[in-house]
All heavy atoms as atom14 arrays in JSON, in Angstrom:
{
  "sequence": "VDGQLEITIAGETRVAGPGCAVVVPPDTAHSVKALTDARAIVVDYPR",
  "atom14_mask": [
    [1, 1, 1, 1, 1, 1, 1, 0, 0, 0, 0, 0, 0, 0],
    [1, 1, 1, 1, 1, 1, 1, 1, 0, 0, 0, 0, 0, 0],
    [1, 1, 1, 1, 0, 0, 0, 0, 0, 0, 0, 0, 0, 0],
    [1, 1, 1, 1, 1, 1, 1, 1, 1, 0, 0, 0, 0, 0],
    [1, 1, 1, 1, 1, 1, 1, 1, 0, 0, 0, 0, 0, 0],
    [1, 1, 1, 1, 1, 1, 1, 1, 1, 0, 0, 0, 0, 0],
    [1, 1, 1, 1, 1, 1, 1, 1, 0, 0, 0, 0, 0, 0],
    [1, 1, 1, 1, 1, 1, 1, 0, 0, 0, 0, 0, 0, 0],
    [1, 1, 1, 1, 1, 1, 1, 1, 0, 0, 0, 0, 0, 0],
    [1, 1, 1, 1, 1, 0, 0, 0, 0, 0, 0, 0, 0, 0],
    [1, 1, 1, 1, 0, 0, 0, 0, 0, 0, 0, 0, 0, 0],
    [1, 1, 1, 1, 1, 1, 1, 1, 1, 0, 0, 0, 0, 0],
    [1, 1, 1, 1, 1, 1, 1, 0, 0, 0, 0, 0, 0, 0],
    [1, 1, 1, 1, 1, 1, 1, 1, 1, 1, 1, 0, 0, 0],
    [1, 1, 1, 1, 1, 1, 1, 0, 0, 0, 0, 0, 0, 0],
    [1, 1, 1, 1, 1, 0, 0, 0, 0, 0, 0, 0, 0, 0],
    [1, 1, 1, 1, 0, 0, 0, 0, 0, 0, 0, 0, 0, 0],
    [1, 1, 1, 1, 1, 1, 1, 0, 0, 0, 0, 0, 0, 0],
    [1, 1, 1, 1, 0, 0, 0, 0, 0, 0, 0, 0, 0, 0],
    [1, 1, 1, 1, 1, 1, 0, 0, 0, 0, 0, 0, 0, 0],
    [1, 1, 1, 1, 1, 0, 0, 0, 0, 0, 0, 0, 0, 0],
    [1, 1, 1, 1, 1, 1, 1, 0, 0, 0, 0, 0, 0, 0],
    [1, 1, 1, 1, 1, 1, 1, 0, 0, 0, 0, 0, 0, 0],
    [1, 1, 1, 1, 1, 1, 1, 0, 0, 0, 0, 0, 0, 0],
    [1, 1, 1, 1, 1, 1, 1, 0, 0, 0, 0, 0, 0, 0],
    [1, 1, 1, 1, 1, 1, 1, 0, 0, 0, 0, 0, 0, 0],
    [1, 1, 1, 1, 1, 1, 1, 1, 0, 0, 0, 0, 0, 0],
    [1, 1, 1, 1, 1, 1, 1, 0, 0, 0, 0, 0, 0, 0],
    [1, 1, 1, 1, 1, 0, 0, 0, 0, 0, 0, 0, 0, 0],
    [1, 1, 1, 1, 1, 1, 1, 1, 1, 1, 0, 0, 0, 0],
    [1, 1, 1, 1, 1, 1, 0, 0, 0, 0, 0, 0, 0, 0],
    [1, 1, 1, 1, 1, 1, 1, 0, 0, 0, 0, 0, 0, 0],
    [1, 1, 1, 1, 1, 1, 1, 1, 1, 0, 0, 0, 0, 0],
    [1, 1, 1, 1, 1, 0, 0, 0, 0, 0, 0, 0, 0, 0],
    [1, 1, 1, 1, 1, 1, 1, 1, 0, 0, 0, 0, 0, 0],
    [1, 1, 1, 1, 1, 1, 1, 0, 0, 0, 0, 0, 0, 0],
    [1, 1, 1, 1, 1, 1, 1, 1, 0, 0, 0, 0, 0, 0],
    [1, 1, 1, 1, 1, 0, 0, 0, 0, 0, 0, 0, 0, 0],
    [1, 1, 1, 1, 1, 1, 1, 1, 1, 1, 1, 0, 0, 0],
    [1, 1, 1, 1, 1, 0, 0, 0, 0, 0, 0, 0, 0, 0],
    [1, 1, 1, 1, 1, 1, 1, 1, 0, 0, 0, 0, 0, 0],
    [1, 1, 1, 1, 1, 1, 1, 0, 0, 0, 0, 0, 0, 0],
    [1, 1, 1, 1, 1, 1, 1, 0, 0, 0, 0, 0, 0, 0],
    [1, 1, 1, 1, 1, 1, 1, 1, 0, 0, 0, 0, 0, 0],
    [1, 1, 1, 1, 1, 1, 1, 1, 1, 1, 1, 1, 0, 0],
    [1, 1, 1, 1, 1, 1, 1, 0, 0, 0, 0, 0, 0, 0],
    [1, 1, 1, 1, 1, 1, 1, 1, 1, 1, 1, 0, 0, 0]
  ],
  "atom14_positions": [
    [[-109.77, 390.7, 28.51], [-110.07, 390.6, 29.93], [-111.06, 391.75, 30.33], [-112.06, 391.47, 31.03], [-108.76, 390.68, 30.7], [-109.03, 390.72, 32.29], [-107.85, 389.62, 30.39], [0.0, 0.0, 0.0], [0.0, 0.0, 0.0], [0.0, 0.0, 0.0], [0.0, 0.0, 0.0], [0.0, 0.0, 0.0], [0.0, 0.0, 0.0], [0.0, 0.0, 0.0]],
    [[-110.77, 392.98, 29.86], [-111.61, 394.09, 30.26], [-111.82, 394.99, 29.03], [-110.78, 395.09, 28.2], [-111.03, 395.0, 31.27], [-111.04, 394.34, 32.72], [-112.13, 393.84, 33.03], [-110.06, 394.4, 33.37], [0.0, 0.0, 0.0], [0.0, 0.0, 0.0], [0.0, 0.0, 0.0], [0.0, 0.0, 0.0], [0.0, 0.0, 0.0], [0.0, 0.0, 0.0]],
    [[-112.8, 395.73, 28.86], [-112.91, 396.73, 27.82], [-113.48, 396.24, 26.49], [-113.92, 394.99, 26.41], [0.0, 0.0, 0.0], [0.0, 0.0, 0.0], [0.0, 0.0, 0.0], [0.0, 0.0, 0.0], [0.0, 0.0, 0.0], [0.0, 0.0, 0.0], [0.0, 0.0, 0.0], [0.0, 0.0, 0.0], [0.0, 0.0, 0.0], [0.0, 0.0, 0.0]],
    [[-113.49, 397.05, 25.42], [-113.96, 396.6, 24.09], [-112.94, 396.92, 23.06], [-112.33, 397.99, 22.96], [-115.2, 397.52, 23.75], [-116.3, 397.35, 24.71], [-117.04, 396.03, 24.7], [-117.24, 395.57, 23.52], [-117.31, 395.36, 25.66], [0.0, 0.0, 0.0], [0.0, 0.0, 0.0], [0.0, 0.0, 0.0], [0.0, 0.0, 0.0], [0.0, 0.0, 0.0]],
    [[-112.61, 395.85, 22.3], [-111.61, 396.02, 21.23], [-112.35, 395.67, 19.85], [-113.08, 394.74, 19.82], [-110.53, 395.02, 21.33], [-109.6, 395.14, 22.66], [-108.64, 393.94, 22.7], [-108.87, 396.39, 22.57], [0.0, 0.0, 0.0], [0.0, 0.0, 0.0], [0.0, 0.0, 0.0], [0.0, 0.0, 0.0], [0.0, 0.0, 0.0], [0.0, 0.0, 0.0]],
    [[-112.06, 396.65, 18.83], [-112.51, 396.3, 17.54], [-111.48, 395.68, 16.81], [-110.4, 396.21, 16.56], [-113.01, 397.68, 16.82], [-113.48, 397.49, 15.47], [-113.73, 398.74, 14.79], [-112.78, 399.4, 14.26], [-114.88, 399.35, 14.95], [0.0, 0.0, 0.0], [0.0, 0.0, 0.0], [0.0, 0.0, 0.0], [0.0, 0.0, 0.0], [0.0, 0.0, 0.0]],
    [[-111.72, 394.37, 16.42], [-110.72, 393.59, 15.81], [-111.16, 393.13, 14.3], [-112.3, 392.63, 14.25], [-110.43, 392.34, 16.72], [-109.95, 392.69, 18.05], [-109.4, 391.46, 16.01], [-109.68, 391.54, 19.01], [0.0, 0.0, 0.0], [0.0, 0.0, 0.0], [0.0, 0.0, 0.0], [0.0, 0.0, 0.0], [0.0, 0.0, 0.0], [0.0, 0.0, 0.0]],
    [[-110.23, 393.42, 13.39], [-110.61, 393.09, 12.02], [-109.57, 391.99, 11.64], [-108.35, 392.13, 11.74], [-110.42, 394.29, 11.06], [-111.28, 395.3, 11.66], [-110.68, 393.92, 9.77], [0.0, 0.0, 0.0], [0.0, 0.0, 0.0], [0.0, 0.0, 0.0], [0.0, 0.0, 0.0], [0.0, 0.0, 0.0], [0.0, 0.0, 0.0], [0.0, 0.0, 0.0]],
    [[-110.12, 390.88, 11.15], [-109.38, 389.81, 10.65], [-109.78, 389.41, 9.22], [-111.06, 389.14, 8.99], [-109.51, 388.54, 11.46], [-109.18, 388.79, 12.92], [-108.66, 387.33, 11.04], [-109.48, 387.72, 13.87], [0.0, 0.0, 0.0], [0.0, 0.0, 0.0], [0.0, 0.0, 0.0], [0.0, 0.0, 0.0], [0.0, 0.0, 0.0], [0.0, 0.0, 0.0]],
    [[-108.85, 389.46, 8.28], [-109.15, 389.21, 6.79], [-110.42, 389.93, 6.41], [-111.27, 389.37, 5.67], [-109.36, 387.61, 6.65], [0.0, 0.0, 0.0], [0.0, 0.0, 0.0], [0.0, 0.0, 0.0], [0.0, 0.0, 0.0], [0.0, 0.0, 0.0], [0.0, 0.0, 0.0], [0.0, 0.0, 0.0], [0.0, 0.0, 0.0], [0.0, 0.0, 0.0]],
    [[-110.58, 391.25, 6.74], [-111.63, 392.08, 6.27], [-112.86, 391.98, 7.18], [-113.84, 392.71, 6.91], [0.0, 0.0, 0.0], [0.0, 0.0, 0.0], [0.0, 0.0, 0.0], [0.0, 0.0, 0.0], [0.0, 0.0, 0.0], [0.0, 0.0, 0.0], [0.0, 0.0, 0.0], [0.0, 0.0, 0.0], [0.0, 0.0, 0.0], [0.0, 0.0, 0.0]],
    [[-112.99, 390.99, 8.04], [-114.18, 390.94, 8.93], [-113.89, 391.55, 10.17], [-113.02, 391.29, 11.0], [-114.52, 389.48, 9.11], [-115.8, 389.28, 10.01], [-116.19, 387.83, 10.23], [-115.56, 386.88, 9.69], [-117.03, 387.66, 11.06], [0.0, 0.0, 0.0], [0.0, 0.0, 0.0], [0.0, 0.0, 0.0], [0.0, 0.0, 0.0], [0.0, 0.0, 0.0]],
    [[-114.85, 392.55, 10.63], [-114.6, 393.36, 11.87], [-115.72, 392.9, 12.85], [-116.89, 392.92, 12.55], [-114.8, 394.92, 11.51], [-113.72, 395.25, 10.68], [-114.57, 395.71, 12.74], [0.0, 0.0, 0.0], [0.0, 0.0, 0.0], [0.0, 0.0, 0.0], [0.0, 0.0, 0.0], [0.0, 0.0, 0.0], [0.0, 0.0, 0.0], [0.0, 0.0, 0.0]],
    [[-115.29, 392.81, 14.04], [-116.19, 392.46, 15.26], [-115.66, 393.18, 16.39], [-114.51, 393.52, 16.58], [-116.17, 390.99, 15.47], [-116.78, 390.07, 14.35], [-117.74, 389.24, 14.81], [-118.28, 388.4, 13.69], [-118.58, 387.2, 13.82], [-118.42, 386.63, 14.93], [-119.02, 386.46, 12.77], [0.0, 0.0, 0.0], [0.0, 0.0, 0.0], [0.0, 0.0, 0.0]],
    [[-116.59, 393.46, 17.35], [-116.22, 393.97, 18.66], [-116.15, 392.77, 19.64], [-117.0, 392.0, 19.81], [-117.21, 395.03, 19.14], [-116.9, 395.46, 20.58], [-117.33, 396.22, 18.14], [0.0, 0.0, 0.0], [0.0, 0.0, 0.0], [0.0, 0.0, 0.0], [0.0, 0.0, 0.0], [0.0, 0.0, 0.0], [0.0, 0.0, 0.0], [0.0, 0.0, 0.0]],
    [[-114.97, 392.77, 20.37], [-114.73, 391.73, 21.4], [-114.67, 392.34, 22.72], [-113.95, 393.34, 22.88], [-113.35, 391.03, 21.01], [0.0, 0.0, 0.0], [0.0, 0.0, 0.0], [0.0, 0.0, 0.0], [0.0, 0.0, 0.0], [0.0, 0.0, 0.0], [0.0, 0.0, 0.0], [0.0, 0.0, 0.0], [0.0, 0.0, 0.0], [0.0, 0.0, 0.0]],
    [[-115.36, 391.79, 23.65], [-115.38, 392.25, 25.08], [-114.91, 391.16, 25.98], [-114.41, 390.16, 25.54], [0.0, 0.0, 0.0], [0.0, 0.0, 0.0], [0.0, 0.0, 0.0], [0.0, 0.0, 0.0], [0.0, 0.0, 0.0], [0.0, 0.0, 0.0], [0.0, 0.0, 0.0], [0.0, 0.0, 0.0], [0.0, 0.0, 0.0], [0.0, 0.0, 0.0]],
    [[-115.11, 391.43, 27.29], [-114.52, 390.52, 28.4], [-115.05, 389.17, 28.09], [-116.23, 388.87, 27.92], [-115.11, 391.12, 29.62], [-115.26, 392.62, 29.3], [-115.67, 392.67, 27.78], [0.0, 0.0, 0.0], [0.0, 0.0, 0.0], [0.0, 0.0, 0.0], [0.0, 0.0, 0.0], [0.0, 0.0, 0.0], [0.0, 0.0, 0.0], [0.0, 0.0, 0.0]],
    [[-114.2, 388.18, 28.18], [-114.47, 386.75, 28.03], [-114.43, 386.29, 26.62], [-114.59, 385.09, 26.34], [0.0, 0.0, 0.0], [0.0, 0.0, 0.0], [0.0, 0.0, 0.0], [0.0, 0.0, 0.0], [0.0, 0.0, 0.0], [0.0, 0.0, 0.0], [0.0, 0.0, 0.0], [0.0, 0.0, 0.0], [0.0, 0.0, 0.0], [0.0, 0.0, 0.0]],
    [[-114.18, 387.17, 25.68], [-114.09, 386.77, 24.3], [-112.68, 386.43, 23.86], [-111.71, 387.16, 24.25], [-114.45, 388.04, 23.39], [-114.59, 387.6, 21.61], [0.0, 0.0, 0.0], [0.0, 0.0, 0.0], [0.0, 0.0, 0.0], [0.0, 0.0, 0.0], [0.0, 0.0, 0.0], [0.0, 0.0, 0.0], [0.0, 0.0, 0.0], [0.0, 0.0, 0.0]],
    [[-112.53, 385.35, 23.21], [-111.25, 384.97, 22.61], [-111.32, 385.12, 21.08], [-112.25, 384.67, 20.54], [-110.83, 383.54, 23.02], [0.0, 0.0, 0.0], [0.0, 0.0, 0.0], [0.0, 0.0, 0.0], [0.0, 0.0, 0.0], [0.0, 0.0, 0.0], [0.0, 0.0, 0.0], [0.0, 0.0, 0.0], [0.0, 0.0, 0.0], [0.0, 0.0, 0.0]],
    [[-110.15, 385.68, 20.55], [-110.24, 385.84, 19.11], [-108.98, 385.14, 18.49], [-107.85, 385.46, 18.88], [-110.15, 387.38, 18.79], [-110.04, 387.66, 17.29], [-111.36, 388.12, 19.37], [0.0, 0.0, 0.0], [0.0, 0.0, 0.0], [0.0, 0.0, 0.0], [0.0, 0.0, 0.0], [0.0, 0.0, 0.0], [0.0, 0.0, 0.0], [0.0, 0.0, 0.0]],
    [[-109.14, 384.27, 17.56], [-108.05, 383.52, 17.02], [-107.6, 384.23, 15.65], [-108.49, 384.28, 14.8], [-108.42, 381.98, 16.76], [-107.25, 381.3, 16.15], [-108.77, 381.44, 18.11], [0.0, 0.0, 0.0], [0.0, 0.0, 0.0], [0.0, 0.0, 0.0], [0.0, 0.0, 0.0], [0.0, 0.0, 0.0], [0.0, 0.0, 0.0], [0.0, 0.0, 0.0]],
    [[-106.41, 384.52, 15.49], [-105.84, 385.08, 14.26], [-105.08, 384.01, 13.61], [-103.96, 383.71, 14.16], [-105.07, 386.38, 14.45], [-104.52, 387.0, 13.2], [-105.96, 387.46, 15.23], [0.0, 0.0, 0.0], [0.0, 0.0, 0.0], [0.0, 0.0, 0.0], [0.0, 0.0, 0.0], [0.0, 0.0, 0.0], [0.0, 0.0, 0.0], [0.0, 0.0, 0.0]],
    [[-105.38, 383.38, 12.55], [-104.53, 382.47, 11.82], [-103.22, 382.97, 11.38], [-103.12, 384.21, 11.04], [-105.39, 381.95, 10.73], [-106.81, 382.4, 11.0], [-106.65, 383.63, 11.8], [0.0, 0.0, 0.0], [0.0, 0.0, 0.0], [0.0, 0.0, 0.0], [0.0, 0.0, 0.0], [0.0, 0.0, 0.0], [0.0, 0.0, 0.0], [0.0, 0.0, 0.0]],
    [[-102.22, 382.12, 11.17], [-100.97, 382.62, 10.67], [-101.09, 383.23, 9.31], [-101.98, 382.92, 8.51], [-100.15, 381.37, 10.41], [-100.76, 380.39, 11.29], [-102.2, 380.77, 11.42], [0.0, 0.0, 0.0], [0.0, 0.0, 0.0], [0.0, 0.0, 0.0], [0.0, 0.0, 0.0], [0.0, 0.0, 0.0], [0.0, 0.0, 0.0], [0.0, 0.0, 0.0]],
    [[-100.25, 384.28, 8.94], [-100.31, 384.93, 7.71], [-101.62, 385.57, 7.24], [-101.94, 385.65, 6.06], [-99.77, 384.02, 6.66], [-98.34, 383.49, 6.96], [-97.48, 384.26, 7.27], [-98.19, 382.25, 6.84], [0.0, 0.0, 0.0], [0.0, 0.0, 0.0], [0.0, 0.0, 0.0], [0.0, 0.0, 0.0], [0.0, 0.0, 0.0], [0.0, 0.0, 0.0]],
    [[-102.41, 385.94, 8.17], [-103.69, 386.63, 7.99], [-103.62, 388.11, 8.45], [-103.35, 388.41, 9.53], [-104.78, 385.8, 8.7], [-104.85, 384.46, 8.36], [-106.11, 386.36, 8.5], [0.0, 0.0, 0.0], [0.0, 0.0, 0.0], [0.0, 0.0, 0.0], [0.0, 0.0, 0.0], [0.0, 0.0, 0.0], [0.0, 0.0, 0.0], [0.0, 0.0, 0.0]],
    [[-104.07, 389.03, 7.55], [-104.24, 390.39, 7.79], [-105.1, 390.75, 8.94], [-106.3, 390.19, 8.91], [-104.5, 391.23, 6.57], [0.0, 0.0, 0.0], [0.0, 0.0, 0.0], [0.0, 0.0, 0.0], [0.0, 0.0, 0.0], [0.0, 0.0, 0.0], [0.0, 0.0, 0.0], [0.0, 0.0, 0.0], [0.0, 0.0, 0.0], [0.0, 0.0, 0.0]],
    [[-104.65, 391.46, 9.96], [-105.47, 391.81, 11.02], [-105.06, 393.12, 11.6], [-103.92, 393.61, 11.48], [-105.45, 390.78, 12.2], [-104.09, 390.45, 12.72], [-103.07, 389.82, 12.03], [-103.56, 390.71, 13.87], [-102.03, 389.7, 12.77], [-102.3, 390.26, 13.93], [0.0, 0.0, 0.0], [0.0, 0.0, 0.0], [0.0, 0.0, 0.0], [0.0, 0.0, 0.0]],
    [[-106.04, 393.8, 12.26], [-105.86, 395.01, 13.0], [-106.68, 395.19, 14.2], [-107.61, 394.38, 14.38], [-106.11, 396.25, 12.1], [-107.41, 396.26, 11.67], [0.0, 0.0, 0.0], [0.0, 0.0, 0.0], [0.0, 0.0, 0.0], [0.0, 0.0, 0.0], [0.0, 0.0, 0.0], [0.0, 0.0, 0.0], [0.0, 0.0, 0.0], [0.0, 0.0, 0.0]],
    [[-106.27, 396.01, 15.23], [-106.96, 396.14, 16.39], [-107.12, 397.59, 16.89], [-106.14, 398.33, 16.71], [-106.29, 395.35, 17.56], [-107.02, 395.53, 18.9], [-106.04, 393.87, 17.2], [0.0, 0.0, 0.0], [0.0, 0.0, 0.0], [0.0, 0.0, 0.0], [0.0, 0.0, 0.0], [0.0, 0.0, 0.0], [0.0, 0.0, 0.0], [0.0, 0.0, 0.0]],
    [[-108.25, 397.98, 17.28], [-108.58, 399.37, 17.81], [-109.3, 399.22, 19.12], [-110.31, 398.51, 19.3], [-109.36, 400.17, 16.77], [-109.61, 401.55, 17.36], [-110.41, 402.46, 16.34], [-110.62, 403.79, 16.96], [-111.44, 404.68, 16.03], [0.0, 0.0, 0.0], [0.0, 0.0, 0.0], [0.0, 0.0, 0.0], [0.0, 0.0, 0.0], [0.0, 0.0, 0.0]],
    [[-108.71, 400.06, 20.14], [-109.41, 399.98, 21.33], [-110.55, 400.95, 21.39], [-110.33, 402.18, 21.33], [-108.46, 400.32, 22.49], [0.0, 0.0, 0.0], [0.0, 0.0, 0.0], [0.0, 0.0, 0.0], [0.0, 0.0, 0.0], [0.0, 0.0, 0.0], [0.0, 0.0, 0.0], [0.0, 0.0, 0.0], [0.0, 0.0, 0.0], [0.0, 0.0, 0.0]],
    [[-111.75, 400.46, 21.66], [-112.94, 401.4, 21.71], [-113.08, 401.98, 23.09], [-113.59, 403.02, 23.29], [-114.15, 400.62, 21.33], [-114.24, 399.94, 19.93], [-115.46, 399.24, 19.75], [-114.07, 401.04, 18.81], [0.0, 0.0, 0.0], [0.0, 0.0, 0.0], [0.0, 0.0, 0.0], [0.0, 0.0, 0.0], [0.0, 0.0, 0.0], [0.0, 0.0, 0.0]],
    [[-112.57, 401.3, 24.03], [-112.41, 401.81, 25.46], [-111.13, 401.39, 26.03], [-110.36, 400.63, 25.35], [-113.52, 401.09, 26.35], [-113.15, 399.72, 26.37], [-114.95, 401.27, 25.77], [0.0, 0.0, 0.0], [0.0, 0.0, 0.0], [0.0, 0.0, 0.0], [0.0, 0.0, 0.0], [0.0, 0.0, 0.0], [0.0, 0.0, 0.0], [0.0, 0.0, 0.0]],
    [[-110.73, 401.86, 27.23], [-109.65, 401.29, 27.75], [-109.74, 399.79, 27.95], [-110.95, 399.33, 28.19], [-109.33, 401.91, 29.3], [-108.92, 403.38, 29.15], [-108.56, 403.83, 28.09], [-108.96, 404.01, 30.22], [0.0, 0.0, 0.0], [0.0, 0.0, 0.0], [0.0, 0.0, 0.0], [0.0, 0.0, 0.0], [0.0, 0.0, 0.0], [0.0, 0.0, 0.0]],
    [[-108.76, 399.05, 27.67], [-108.87, 397.54, 27.65], [-107.64, 396.84, 28.24], [-106.57, 397.42, 28.29], [-109.07, 397.14, 26.29], [0.0, 0.0, 0.0], [0.0, 0.0, 0.0], [0.0, 0.0, 0.0], [0.0, 0.0, 0.0], [0.0, 0.0, 0.0], [0.0, 0.0, 0.0], [0.0, 0.0, 0.0], [0.0, 0.0, 0.0], [0.0, 0.0, 0.0]],
    [[-107.88, 395.58, 28.66], [-106.85, 394.68, 29.0], [-107.0, 393.38, 28.24], [-108.12, 392.97, 28.0], [-106.87, 394.4, 30.6], [-106.4, 395.57, 31.37], [-106.28, 395.19, 32.77], [-107.45, 394.54, 33.34], [-107.37, 393.41, 34.07], [-106.21, 392.86, 34.41], [-108.41, 392.87, 34.53], [0.0, 0.0, 0.0], [0.0, 0.0, 0.0], [0.0, 0.0, 0.0]],
    [[-105.93, 392.83, 27.7], [-105.98, 391.7, 26.95], [-104.73, 390.78, 27.24], [-103.67, 391.36, 27.5], [-106.16, 391.94, 25.52], [0.0, 0.0, 0.0], [0.0, 0.0, 0.0], [0.0, 0.0, 0.0], [0.0, 0.0, 0.0], [0.0, 0.0, 0.0], [0.0, 0.0, 0.0], [0.0, 0.0, 0.0], [0.0, 0.0, 0.0], [0.0, 0.0, 0.0]],
    [[-104.88, 389.46, 27.15], [-103.78, 388.6, 27.16], [-103.68, 388.01, 25.77], [-104.62, 387.37, 25.21], [-103.91, 387.42, 28.22], [-104.06, 388.06, 29.61], [-102.78, 386.44, 28.08], [-104.51, 387.06, 30.66], [0.0, 0.0, 0.0], [0.0, 0.0, 0.0], [0.0, 0.0, 0.0], [0.0, 0.0, 0.0], [0.0, 0.0, 0.0], [0.0, 0.0, 0.0]],
    [[-102.5, 388.18, 25.18], [-102.25, 387.65, 23.66], [-101.18, 386.62, 23.72], [-100.16, 386.81, 24.32], [-101.89, 388.85, 22.87], [-101.59, 388.35, 21.42], [-102.98, 390.0, 22.82], [0.0, 0.0, 0.0], [0.0, 0.0, 0.0], [0.0, 0.0, 0.0], [0.0, 0.0, 0.0], [0.0, 0.0, 0.0], [0.0, 0.0, 0.0], [0.0, 0.0, 0.0]],
    [[-101.45, 385.45, 23.09], [-100.52, 384.43, 23.04], [-100.11, 384.18, 21.47], [-101.06, 384.06, 20.74], [-101.15, 383.08, 23.68], [-100.16, 382.0, 23.58], [-101.6, 383.32, 25.03], [0.0, 0.0, 0.0], [0.0, 0.0, 0.0], [0.0, 0.0, 0.0], [0.0, 0.0, 0.0], [0.0, 0.0, 0.0], [0.0, 0.0, 0.0], [0.0, 0.0, 0.0]],
    [[-98.93, 384.08, 21.3], [-98.44, 383.72, 19.94], [-97.67, 382.46, 19.95], [-96.86, 382.08, 20.9], [-97.33, 384.82, 19.46], [-98.11, 386.18, 19.06], [-98.66, 386.16, 17.95], [-98.13, 387.11, 19.88], [0.0, 0.0, 0.0], [0.0, 0.0, 0.0], [0.0, 0.0, 0.0], [0.0, 0.0, 0.0], [0.0, 0.0, 0.0], [0.0, 0.0, 0.0]],
    [[-97.9, 381.68, 18.88], [-97.15, 380.52, 18.66], [-96.71, 380.34, 17.17], [-97.48, 380.53, 16.32], [-98.08, 379.18, 18.91], [-97.35, 377.92, 18.64], [-96.47, 377.3, 19.53], [-97.48, 377.33, 17.35], [-95.86, 376.07, 19.07], [-96.9, 376.16, 16.97], [-95.99, 375.54, 17.88], [-95.37, 374.48, 17.55], [0.0, 0.0, 0.0], [0.0, 0.0, 0.0]],
    [[-95.43, 380.11, 16.93], [-94.37, 379.86, 17.84], [-93.97, 381.21, 18.54], [-94.43, 382.31, 18.11], [-93.25, 379.31, 17.08], [-93.53, 379.74, 15.58], [-95.04, 379.99, 15.51], [0.0, 0.0, 0.0], [0.0, 0.0, 0.0], [0.0, 0.0, 0.0], [0.0, 0.0, 0.0], [0.0, 0.0, 0.0], [0.0, 0.0, 0.0], [0.0, 0.0, 0.0]],
    [[-92.91, 381.1, 19.41], [-92.32, 382.26, 20.11], [-92.12, 383.39, 19.04], [-91.61, 383.16, 18.0], [-91.15, 381.95, 20.83], [-91.39, 381.06, 22.05], [-90.07, 380.61, 22.58], [-89.17, 381.7, 23.06], [-88.39, 381.63, 24.04], [-88.26, 380.57, 24.68], [-87.7, 382.69, 24.4], [0.0, 0.0, 0.0], [0.0, 0.0, 0.0], [0.0, 0.0, 0.0]]
  ]
}
């Protein structure tokens, strides 16, 4: 929603900013670092 997040999924790193959606598949290694103050909405399925 706001700010910049550095997101790594399966060894690939990208910077995600406002309006970006990032899909993490099940059982896939991932990490997140906030480069700035940020806001995000995260949805997990299943609960």
